[in-house]
Amino acid sequence: MRDELNILIVQLRTEGKTAMSGIYDLTSSHIYGLIYRVVDNENGAARVLKAVYRRLWEQRHEIEQKSLAPLDWLRATAHRYAMDYKTAKSIICDTPAISQKKLAEKSNPVKRLDLSEEEKMLLKHAYLETESLADLSARFNNSEERIAGKLELINQKIKRFGQ
């Protein structure tokens, strides 16, 4: 699977939709399973799956430069997006009478997590820009172990917040 995926990733830059279709066929059931274990909802898992492959399509020209192997990148992105979806869904479910607009005005979930500026930047680069531990380590001038520990603490805050 990994070798075939690596070939398709290389082809993604030149063959576009044909290679993307092959990547989806090869990996989507595996990635969907990972997402479903976190989201535990078919519609939510399908939304997250779509977002993961949209992200791959948007980054098709840079994916080869990522320090993670393509399958690991897909898994990490799927997990991050699933956690984001699960947390956001929990926040909305806790306040059903509040409209989406009022929710955005009243409570910025990141502010409510009470994260330091460094944690916010780490969260942004790890989860939104999907940087690897090595990239984060260089950016924040810390060891990969320390960065992984900080990300784990942030994940714990997010989990507690979503409960």
Foldseek 3Di string as FASTA:
>chain_A
DLVLLQVLLVCCVPVPPVSLVVNCVVPVVVLLVLLCVLQVDNVLSVVLSVVLSVVCSVCSVCVVVAPDRPVVLSNQLSNLSSLVSLLVVLVCVVPVVADPVRCVVPDDPVVVLVDDPVLVVLCCCCHVVVHDLVVVCVVVVHHSVVSVVSVVVSSVSSVVNSD
